[in-house]
Structure formats: structure tokens, C-alpha cells
Amino acid sequence: MPTQKSTRFYHLHLVSDATGETLHAIAKAAAAQYREISAIEHIHSLVRSQARMDRVLGEIADAPGVVLYTLINEKLRAHLEQRCQEIGVPSLSVLDPVLSLLSNYLNASSQPQVGGQHVLDAHYFGRIEALNFTMLHDDGQHTHDLDEADVILVGISRTSKTPTSIYLANRGIKAANVPLVPDLPLPAGLEDAEKPMVIGLIASPDRIMHIRRNRLLSINENKETDYVDKDRIARELSFARKLCARNGWPMIDVTRRSIEETAAAVLNLYHERAPAGAVPDV
């Protein structure tokens, strides 16, 4: 653990007997609170054998730091904790406080299951179905059955419609997205869709211009184009705002939002509109 102000990085070992997704999310949220000190992450997933644990412990010894873990096997846990004490590095089972709280409140013992949140149940296959739907309906494709979507995201180019849709799909939401281009007709049925919640994504002209320029540079496109013209972008945004206002569609400004934050805002709107029990378990 860093103790001097001159330290600007530390090693963070994440040890899990499953995919490590939960552990990584917790560690990322915590590490983000220390912006002046960078975490060098070492992700050790699927640690389910003594041999694998020994290799992990070797890596921890080579790069000592903070060790966070989610392990069910008591023998592996004990070995990890003992070795961390010997090396002189702090370790913590991140789920233990939550499980202890739940056990006390529910007056029940937990039933540990490796990767229990990834079980292949109806919710899992629902997410797969949502992802297939979302990929098929990306960027205005296959608009004949838009009414089957849970959410339709509309917006001009570079408002993060596709990545937000994919994130929503991973939460079990069938999300389609439709690009808005002035002077081009809207997909038939978009304005008449009854089942889906249509949400507009907008951003500041400067933000859109910056993203579009980076996009052109990434594909080695150096020709002059009004695609990055600020006045044109402002007109596109005005068109999008008026369309959403005319139809009563809520809008989310994504200028300073991450994909995760935009998706969270979409889910909040979606759950507020839908009756209880009528939304996917996300």
C-alpha cells in the first residue's frame, strides 16, 4: 500500500474463482476515488486449483500490492490469506461484508456457488436474446419490427447510440437504435411505435465535432467534409430536439456521460414508465 506522496502507482491483484467481473467492477469503483495514484491491475480469474493459486501467489510476490479476492473454496482462501500475510501485503474478501449483512438480516446462511451470477437460466438466455435483437437492429437496420423493441434510441451520428444499446442488451433490454439525418425520412412506424420507449440522445455541438474528427482520423480520412462542420452539427441537433419534442420523447444529454451513465439514465426512464413486474429483471 502506498505511503509516500511521491508514489504514483500501486499493484492491485484481483483473484477470483469465476470470471472476475464482479471483483473488477468493485475494484474499479474504489480505485477511481484515488485519481492521483494509478492502479496497475493484475487480473487472476478462474482460480480453482492449488496449482493455479500457487502461480498467482508467485505473481503477487513478484509485484506486491493490494489483493482483493472472491473465492469460495475455503482451502484456497486460507492459503491465499496466509501467503499474503507472509509476503506482507493486505488482502480482503470483498463480498464477505455484504454476505454477513445479508445473513444477519435474513437470518439465513449463504449457499456459496462459484460463478452463481452467471448461471445459465432464463435470465441469461433473455440477455442473449436481447443482444441478438440489438445487433440485428443496430444503426437503423431491420426497422420493420421496431415495435418489438423495449427501447429505441434515436440521435444524430456520434451520440453513442450503438455502445449504449449493446450495454442495455447485456442488461436484458431489447434496444434498437435509429440514426437521425435531416432531409432523410424516418423509418416507417417509428413515430407510431406503441410498445417501445423512444429516447433521444443529444450532445453539445463541440463534443459531436470532436468525436467526428477523431472518427475520420481513425479511418485515415483527411478530405474536407461538412460532417465535422459545427453549424451543420447544430442544425442536426436542432432537428433531433424538435423531433423528440413533437413526439414527447425524453432526451438525454450524453456530453459528459460515460456509456454506463447513459445506459443507467435510460434504464431509469424505462422503469419509471413501465408498470411494476413488466420489465426484465436487470
Protein backbone atom coordinates (compact mmCIF):
# COMPACT_ATOMS: atom_id res chain seq x y z
CA MET A 1 0.00 0.00 0.00
CA PRO A 2 1.47 3.40 -0.98
CA THR A 3 2.60 5.52 1.98
CA GLN A 4 4.61 8.28 0.33
CA LYS A 5 3.23 11.21 -1.64
CA SER A 6 5.79 10.56 -4.35
CA THR A 7 4.20 7.19 -5.12
CA ARG A 8 2.04 7.43 -8.21
CA PHE A 9 1.11 3.81 -8.82
CA TYR A 10 0.47 0.58 -6.99
CA HIS A 11 -0.16 -3.03 -7.89
CA LEU A 12 -3.73 -4.28 -7.47
CA HIS A 13 -4.24 -8.04 -7.65
CA LEU A 14 -7.78 -9.28 -8.30
CA VAL A 15 -8.16 -13.01 -7.56
CA SER A 16 -11.40 -14.79 -8.46
CA ASP A 17 -12.60 -18.35 -8.90
CA ALA A 18 -15.01 -17.15 -11.60
CA THR A 19 -14.75 -14.55 -14.37
CA GLY A 20 -13.68 -11.76 -12.02
CA GLU A 21 -16.33 -9.43 -13.43
CA THR A 22 -17.84 -8.56 -10.06
CA LEU A 23 -14.45 -8.11 -8.44
CA HIS A 24 -13.21 -5.92 -11.28
CA ALA A 25 -16.26 -3.64 -11.05
CA ILE A 26 -15.83 -3.17 -7.29
CA ALA A 27 -12.09 -2.56 -7.59
CA LYS A 28 -12.56 -0.09 -10.44
CA ALA A 29 -15.12 1.91 -8.48
CA ALA A 30 -12.86 2.05 -5.42
CA ALA A 31 -9.63 2.81 -7.30
CA ALA A 32 -11.34 5.68 -9.13
CA GLN A 33 -11.51 7.58 -5.85
CA TYR A 34 -7.71 7.98 -5.88
CA ARG A 35 -7.13 9.91 -9.07
CA GLU A 36 -3.56 10.90 -8.28
CA ILE A 37 -2.45 7.29 -7.86
CA SER A 38 -2.81 4.75 -10.67
CA ALA A 39 -3.61 1.10 -10.09
CA ILE A 40 -1.70 -1.46 -12.12
CA GLU A 41 -4.27 -4.25 -12.31
CA HIS A 42 -3.35 -7.92 -12.28
CA ILE A 43 -6.47 -9.97 -13.01
CA HIS A 44 -6.34 -13.61 -11.94
CA SER A 45 -9.59 -15.33 -12.95
CA LEU A 46 -10.78 -18.95 -12.75
CA VAL A 47 -8.52 -19.69 -9.78
CA ARG A 48 -9.95 -23.07 -8.78
CA SER A 49 -6.92 -25.30 -8.14
CA GLN A 50 -3.92 -25.28 -5.85
CA ALA A 51 -1.58 -25.21 -8.84
CA ARG A 52 -3.30 -22.13 -10.26
CA MET A 53 -3.24 -20.47 -6.85
CA ASP A 54 0.47 -21.11 -6.50
CA ARG A 55 1.12 -19.37 -9.82
CA VAL A 56 -1.00 -16.41 -8.71
CA LEU A 57 0.87 -16.17 -5.40
CA GLY A 58 4.13 -16.14 -7.30
CA GLU A 59 2.94 -13.16 -9.34
CA ILE A 60 1.79 -11.38 -6.17
CA ALA A 61 5.21 -11.93 -4.62
CA ASP A 62 6.89 -10.53 -7.74
CA ALA A 63 4.68 -7.40 -7.70
CA PRO A 64 3.46 -6.83 -4.13
CA GLY A 65 0.41 -4.64 -3.66
CA VAL A 66 -3.22 -4.83 -2.59
CA VAL A 67 -5.01 -8.17 -3.03
CA LEU A 68 -8.78 -8.30 -3.43
CA TYR A 69 -10.48 -11.63 -3.92
CA THR A 70 -13.72 -13.56 -4.34
CA LEU A 71 -13.08 -17.22 -3.54
CA ILE A 72 -15.47 -19.86 -2.25
CA ASN A 73 -13.04 -22.74 -1.67
CA GLU A 74 -12.01 -22.42 1.98
CA LYS A 75 -8.66 -24.14 1.45
CA LEU A 76 -7.69 -21.76 -1.36
CA ARG A 77 -8.87 -18.76 0.66
CA ALA A 78 -6.82 -19.81 3.67
CA HIS A 79 -3.73 -20.42 1.54
CA LEU A 80 -4.08 -17.01 -0.14
CA GLU A 81 -4.56 -15.18 3.16
CA GLN A 82 -1.66 -16.95 4.85
CA ARG A 83 0.73 -16.31 1.98
CA CYS A 84 -0.32 -12.65 1.78
CA GLN A 85 0.49 -12.26 5.47
CA GLU A 86 3.89 -13.84 4.90
CA ILE A 87 4.59 -11.55 1.94
CA GLY A 88 3.35 -8.56 3.91
CA VAL A 89 0.56 -7.44 1.57
CA PRO A 90 -3.03 -6.63 2.59
CA SER A 91 -5.84 -8.87 1.34
CA LEU A 92 -9.61 -8.64 1.51
CA SER A 93 -12.55 -10.83 0.50
CA VAL A 94 -14.78 -8.11 -0.94
CA LEU A 95 -18.09 -9.97 -0.69
CA ASP A 96 -17.75 -11.07 2.94
CA PRO A 97 -19.16 -7.86 4.49
CA VAL A 98 -22.20 -7.98 2.18
CA LEU A 99 -22.82 -11.67 2.82
CA SER A 100 -22.51 -11.11 6.56
CA LEU A 101 -25.02 -8.28 6.42
CA LEU A 102 -27.49 -10.36 4.40
CA SER A 103 -27.08 -13.39 6.66
CA ASN A 104 -27.83 -11.31 9.76
CA TYR A 105 -30.81 -9.60 8.16
CA LEU A 106 -32.29 -12.73 6.59
CA ASN A 107 -31.33 -14.99 9.49
CA ALA A 108 -30.09 -17.49 6.94
CA SER A 109 -26.79 -18.92 5.80
CA SER A 110 -25.49 -18.30 2.28
CA GLN A 111 -25.12 -21.20 -0.12
CA PRO A 112 -21.85 -20.48 -1.95
CA GLN A 113 -21.75 -21.24 -5.67
CA VAL A 114 -18.82 -20.45 -7.94
CA GLY A 115 -19.96 -18.05 -10.66
CA GLY A 116 -23.52 -18.18 -9.33
CA GLN A 117 -24.41 -14.91 -11.04
CA HIS A 118 -23.55 -16.49 -14.40
CA VAL A 119 -25.88 -19.47 -14.17
CA LEU A 120 -27.48 -20.47 -17.49
CA ASP A 121 -31.07 -19.72 -16.51
CA ALA A 122 -33.99 -17.93 -18.15
CA HIS A 123 -32.48 -14.53 -17.33
CA TYR A 124 -29.23 -15.47 -19.02
CA PHE A 125 -30.94 -16.59 -22.21
CA GLY A 126 -33.08 -13.47 -22.07
CA ARG A 127 -29.92 -11.38 -22.24
CA ILE A 128 -28.68 -13.41 -25.19
CA GLU A 129 -31.99 -12.85 -26.98
CA ALA A 130 -31.79 -9.13 -26.23
CA LEU A 131 -28.23 -8.95 -27.57
CA ASN A 132 -29.19 -10.74 -30.79
CA PHE A 133 -32.11 -8.35 -31.28
CA THR A 134 -29.93 -5.32 -30.61
CA MET A 135 -27.20 -6.34 -33.04
CA LEU A 136 -29.80 -7.01 -35.73
CA HIS A 137 -31.38 -3.59 -35.21
CA ASP A 138 -28.22 -1.50 -35.00
CA ASP A 139 -27.95 1.79 -36.88
CA GLY A 140 -31.44 1.72 -38.38
CA GLN A 141 -31.34 -1.84 -39.72
CA HIS A 142 -34.42 -4.07 -39.97
CA THR A 143 -36.87 -1.38 -38.95
CA HIS A 144 -39.94 -3.42 -39.93
CA ASP A 145 -40.34 -4.80 -36.41
CA LEU A 146 -39.24 -1.85 -34.27
CA ASP A 147 -42.37 -2.26 -32.17
CA GLU A 148 -40.85 -5.43 -30.69
CA ALA A 149 -38.07 -3.42 -29.03
CA ASP A 150 -38.12 -2.41 -25.37
CA VAL A 151 -36.19 0.78 -26.07
CA ILE A 152 -35.39 2.68 -29.26
CA LEU A 153 -32.52 5.16 -29.11
CA VAL A 154 -32.55 7.94 -31.69
CA GLY A 155 -29.92 10.58 -32.31
CA ILE A 156 -27.57 12.10 -34.83
CA SER A 157 -24.26 10.48 -35.71
CA ARG A 158 -21.77 10.02 -32.83
CA THR A 159 -24.16 10.25 -29.90
CA SER A 160 -23.13 6.80 -28.56
CA LYS A 161 -26.28 5.03 -29.73
CA THR A 162 -24.62 1.71 -30.61
CA PRO A 163 -22.46 1.16 -27.48
CA THR A 164 -25.34 2.26 -25.24
CA SER A 165 -27.67 -0.19 -26.99
CA ILE A 166 -25.21 -3.05 -26.52
CA TYR A 167 -24.79 -2.20 -22.85
CA LEU A 168 -28.58 -2.22 -22.42
CA ALA A 169 -28.82 -5.56 -24.22
CA ASN A 170 -26.40 -7.04 -21.73
CA ARG A 171 -28.90 -5.98 -19.07
CA GLY A 172 -31.70 -7.84 -20.86
CA ILE A 173 -33.18 -4.84 -22.71
CA LYS A 174 -34.04 -5.25 -26.40
CA ALA A 175 -32.63 -1.99 -27.72
CA ALA A 176 -32.78 -0.75 -31.30
CA ASN A 177 -31.12 2.46 -32.44
CA VAL A 178 -32.01 4.73 -35.32
CA PRO A 179 -29.80 7.50 -36.74
CA LEU A 180 -31.44 10.86 -37.31
CA VAL A 181 -30.43 12.63 -40.52
CA PRO A 182 -32.20 15.82 -41.62
CA ASP A 183 -33.88 15.53 -45.04
CA LEU A 184 -33.98 11.73 -44.81
CA PRO A 185 -37.30 10.06 -43.96
CA LEU A 186 -37.72 8.32 -40.62
CA PRO A 187 -38.28 4.56 -40.61
CA ALA A 188 -41.91 3.67 -41.08
CA GLY A 189 -43.56 3.04 -37.76
CA LEU A 190 -41.01 4.83 -35.59
CA GLU A 191 -43.30 7.67 -34.60
CA ASP A 192 -46.24 5.28 -34.24
CA ALA A 193 -44.45 2.67 -32.12
CA GLU A 194 -46.51 1.92 -29.01
CA LYS A 195 -44.56 -0.73 -27.06
CA PRO A 196 -41.00 0.63 -27.10
CA MET A 197 -39.85 3.67 -25.18
CA VAL A 198 -38.19 6.03 -27.65
CA ILE A 199 -35.39 8.14 -26.18
CA GLY A 200 -33.32 10.80 -27.90
CA LEU A 201 -29.58 11.09 -27.30
CA ILE A 202 -28.07 14.55 -27.77
CA ALA A 203 -24.75 16.24 -27.03
CA SER A 204 -23.12 19.63 -27.41
CA PRO A 205 -22.01 20.62 -30.92
CA ASP A 206 -18.39 20.88 -29.74
CA ARG A 207 -18.49 17.35 -28.34
CA ILE A 208 -20.00 15.91 -31.52
CA MET A 209 -17.49 17.78 -33.68
CA HIS A 210 -14.58 16.46 -31.62
CA ILE A 211 -15.78 12.86 -31.80
CA ARG A 212 -16.45 13.06 -35.53
CA ARG A 213 -13.00 14.46 -36.21
CA ASN A 214 -11.40 11.63 -34.25
CA ARG A 215 -13.53 9.15 -36.15
CA LEU A 216 -12.32 10.48 -39.51
CA LEU A 217 -8.72 10.40 -38.32
CA SER A 218 -9.11 6.79 -37.20
CA ILE A 219 -10.06 5.75 -40.74
CA ASN A 220 -7.36 7.95 -42.34
CA GLU A 221 -9.94 10.25 -43.91
CA ASN A 222 -8.32 13.65 -44.46
CA LYS A 223 -10.71 15.18 -47.01
CA GLU A 224 -12.63 18.32 -46.14
CA THR A 225 -16.22 17.47 -45.25
CA ASP A 226 -19.16 19.24 -43.66
CA TYR A 227 -19.59 16.16 -41.48
CA VAL A 228 -17.49 17.98 -38.88
CA ASP A 229 -18.85 21.45 -39.59
CA LYS A 230 -20.13 22.94 -36.34
CA ASP A 231 -23.03 24.80 -37.98
CA ARG A 232 -24.22 21.63 -39.70
CA ILE A 233 -23.98 19.72 -36.42
CA ALA A 234 -26.01 22.43 -34.69
CA ARG A 235 -28.72 22.08 -37.36
CA GLU A 236 -28.74 18.30 -36.95
CA LEU A 237 -29.14 18.67 -33.19
CA SER A 238 -31.94 21.19 -33.66
CA PHE A 239 -33.73 18.71 -35.93
CA ALA A 240 -33.32 15.95 -33.34
CA ARG A 241 -34.59 18.14 -30.49
CA LYS A 242 -37.65 19.25 -32.45
CA LEU A 243 -38.47 15.67 -33.45
CA CYS A 244 -38.26 14.47 -29.84
CA ALA A 245 -40.32 17.41 -28.60
CA ARG A 246 -43.00 16.82 -31.22
CA ASN A 247 -43.37 13.19 -30.20
CA GLY A 248 -42.93 13.68 -26.48
CA TRP A 249 -39.77 11.55 -26.44
CA PRO A 250 -37.44 12.18 -23.48
CA MET A 251 -33.90 13.30 -24.26
CA ILE A 252 -30.61 12.51 -22.53
CA ASP A 253 -27.59 14.79 -22.93
CA VAL A 254 -24.57 12.49 -23.27
CA THR A 255 -21.97 15.26 -23.47
CA ARG A 256 -20.37 14.43 -20.14
CA ARG A 257 -21.77 10.95 -19.59
CA SER A 258 -19.99 7.64 -19.91
CA ILE A 259 -21.76 4.80 -21.72
CA GLU A 260 -22.59 3.25 -18.35
CA GLU A 261 -24.10 6.52 -17.07
CA THR A 262 -26.15 6.99 -20.23
CA ALA A 263 -27.46 3.43 -20.00
CA ALA A 264 -28.34 3.97 -16.34
CA ALA A 265 -30.33 7.08 -17.27
CA VAL A 266 -32.14 5.11 -19.99
CA LEU A 267 -32.99 2.33 -17.52
CA ASN A 268 -34.32 4.85 -15.03
CA LEU A 269 -36.66 6.32 -17.64
CA TYR A 270 -37.69 2.86 -18.79
CA HIS A 271 -38.51 1.62 -15.30
CA GLU A 272 -40.39 4.81 -14.44
CA ARG A 273 -42.70 4.32 -17.40
CA ALA A 274 -43.22 0.56 -17.20
CA PRO A 275 -45.70 -0.94 -14.69
CA ALA A 276 -44.25 -2.99 -11.85
CA GLY A 277 -43.35 -6.53 -12.89
CA ALA A 278 -43.45 -5.70 -16.59
CA VAL A 279 -39.74 -5.10 -17.14
CA PRO A 280 -36.83 -7.52 -17.49
CA ASP A 281 -35.03 -8.44 -14.28
CA VAL A 282 -31.91 -6.32 -14.77
